[in-house]
Amino acid sequence: MLLSCAALTFQGPAADATVKRYTGMNQVYNVAQPGNSTETIAFLGKLDSVDACEKACLANAARCWSYTYHGASMGTFAGQCFGIIAPRWSPTPDVADVVSAKVSWPCVAARLQPSSR
């Protein structure tokens, strides 16, 4: 029997996640505001690097499905890291100093409790 991830829970340590980076792609283009979170975008902080942004995304309490890091040349967004906490991937082409990444979490079968019938 094949199960889709919809029938499974997404669990496991961040070390089990697979991350693919895309330079010049912006997952929060025209929707994020500097230093602010929304219902589906978590402001993860002003950080020093893409690596630090990725670590913040993977450690976020709400499941982080992708992130965008803005490099030093990005004006008011410089150094800002945003995590997407909804399962969507629709980046917009941007300048090379912006990096977005897609996070794939392992599917783990939900632990069901035995029926008492």
Protein backbone atom coordinates (compact mmCIF):
# COMPACT_ATOMS: atom_id res chain seq x y z
CA MET A 1 0.00 0.00 0.00
CA LEU A 2 1.39 3.37 -0.97
CA LEU A 3 0.80 6.33 1.28
CA SER A 4 1.19 9.92 0.28
CA CYS A 5 2.78 12.41 2.63
CA ALA A 6 -0.71 13.80 3.21
CA ALA A 7 -1.46 10.63 5.18
CA LEU A 8 1.79 10.91 7.11
CA THR A 9 3.21 13.31 9.62
CA PHE A 10 6.37 15.29 8.99
CA GLN A 11 8.74 14.55 11.82
CA GLY A 12 12.32 13.88 12.51
CA PRO A 13 15.32 15.98 13.34
CA ALA A 14 16.45 18.83 11.15
CA ALA A 15 19.48 16.73 10.22
CA ASP A 16 17.12 14.50 8.21
CA ALA A 17 15.79 17.40 6.11
CA THR A 18 17.04 17.92 2.56
CA VAL A 19 17.70 21.51 1.51
CA LYS A 20 18.18 22.77 -2.05
CA ARG A 21 19.33 26.37 -2.51
CA TYR A 22 18.46 28.64 -5.43
CA THR A 23 20.58 31.75 -5.92
CA GLY A 24 18.74 34.71 -7.40
CA MET A 25 15.31 33.44 -6.38
CA ASN A 26 13.09 35.18 -3.82
CA GLN A 27 10.35 33.25 -2.05
CA VAL A 28 9.06 36.37 -0.23
CA TYR A 29 9.25 38.89 -3.10
CA ASN A 30 6.62 41.60 -2.71
CA VAL A 31 5.00 39.90 0.31
CA ALA A 32 7.50 40.26 3.18
CA GLN A 33 8.00 43.50 5.09
CA PRO A 34 11.41 44.22 6.64
CA GLY A 35 11.64 42.74 10.14
CA ASN A 36 8.05 41.48 10.26
CA SER A 37 6.24 38.14 10.26
CA THR A 38 2.89 37.32 8.71
CA GLU A 39 0.56 34.34 9.04
CA THR A 40 2.69 32.27 6.63
CA ILE A 41 6.08 34.03 6.77
CA ALA A 42 8.26 33.97 9.89
CA PHE A 43 10.88 36.68 10.28
CA LEU A 44 13.82 34.61 11.52
CA GLY A 45 16.15 37.51 12.24
CA LYS A 46 18.92 39.65 10.83
CA LEU A 47 21.69 37.14 10.27
CA ASP A 48 25.25 37.06 8.92
CA SER A 49 24.92 34.39 6.23
CA VAL A 50 22.78 32.02 4.20
CA ASP A 51 24.07 29.19 6.41
CA ALA A 52 22.80 30.96 9.54
CA CYS A 53 19.44 31.55 7.86
CA GLU A 54 19.18 27.87 6.98
CA LYS A 55 19.94 26.85 10.57
CA ALA A 56 17.29 29.26 11.84
CA CYS A 57 14.74 27.84 9.41
CA LEU A 58 15.45 24.23 10.38
CA ALA A 59 15.29 25.09 14.09
CA ASN A 60 12.08 27.14 13.88
CA ALA A 61 9.26 25.91 16.13
CA ALA A 62 6.75 26.09 13.26
CA ARG A 63 7.75 23.78 10.38
CA CYS A 64 9.78 25.84 7.91
CA TRP A 65 9.18 24.68 4.32
CA SER A 66 11.50 27.16 2.64
CA TYR A 67 13.47 30.29 3.42
CA THR A 68 14.84 33.41 1.78
CA TYR A 69 18.02 35.21 2.79
CA HIS A 70 18.81 38.76 1.63
CA GLY A 71 22.49 39.60 1.23
CA ALA A 72 24.33 42.77 2.21
CA SER A 73 23.36 44.71 -0.93
CA MET A 74 19.63 44.44 -0.30
CA GLY A 75 19.03 47.80 1.44
CA THR A 76 16.42 47.63 4.21
CA PHE A 77 16.24 43.84 3.74
CA ALA A 78 20.03 43.34 4.09
CA GLY A 79 20.83 40.32 6.26
CA GLN A 80 17.18 39.49 6.85
CA CYS A 81 16.02 35.89 6.87
CA PHE A 82 12.44 34.79 6.34
CA GLY A 83 11.04 31.29 6.72
CA ILE A 84 7.93 30.16 4.86
CA ILE A 85 5.79 28.17 7.30
CA ALA A 86 3.27 27.01 4.72
CA PRO A 87 4.00 24.25 2.18
CA ARG A 88 4.35 26.35 -0.95
CA TRP A 89 7.16 26.89 -3.43
CA SER A 90 6.69 29.81 -5.81
CA PRO A 91 9.86 31.93 -5.87
CA THR A 92 10.28 34.99 -8.04
CA PRO A 93 13.51 35.66 -9.97
CA ASP A 94 15.58 38.32 -8.20
CA VAL A 95 19.18 39.54 -7.97
CA ALA A 96 22.10 37.23 -7.15
CA ASP A 97 22.34 38.56 -3.57
CA VAL A 98 19.06 36.83 -2.66
CA VAL A 99 19.00 33.10 -1.97
CA SER A 100 15.92 30.97 -1.38
CA ALA A 101 15.89 27.31 -0.47
CA LYS A 102 13.30 24.56 -0.49
CA VAL A 103 13.26 22.25 2.53
CA SER A 104 12.08 18.67 2.11
CA TRP A 105 11.21 16.97 5.38
CA PRO A 106 11.10 13.19 5.72
CA CYS A 107 7.68 11.56 5.79
CA VAL A 108 7.18 9.40 8.85
CA ALA A 109 4.10 7.26 9.39
CA ALA A 110 1.89 8.63 12.14
CA ARG A 111 1.91 6.63 15.32
CA LEU A 112 -1.67 5.40 15.65
CA GLN A 113 -3.07 4.26 18.96
CA PRO A 114 -4.66 0.78 18.93
CA SER A 115 -8.42 0.76 18.86
CA SER A 116 -10.15 -0.28 22.07
CA ARG A 117 -13.04 -1.92 20.22
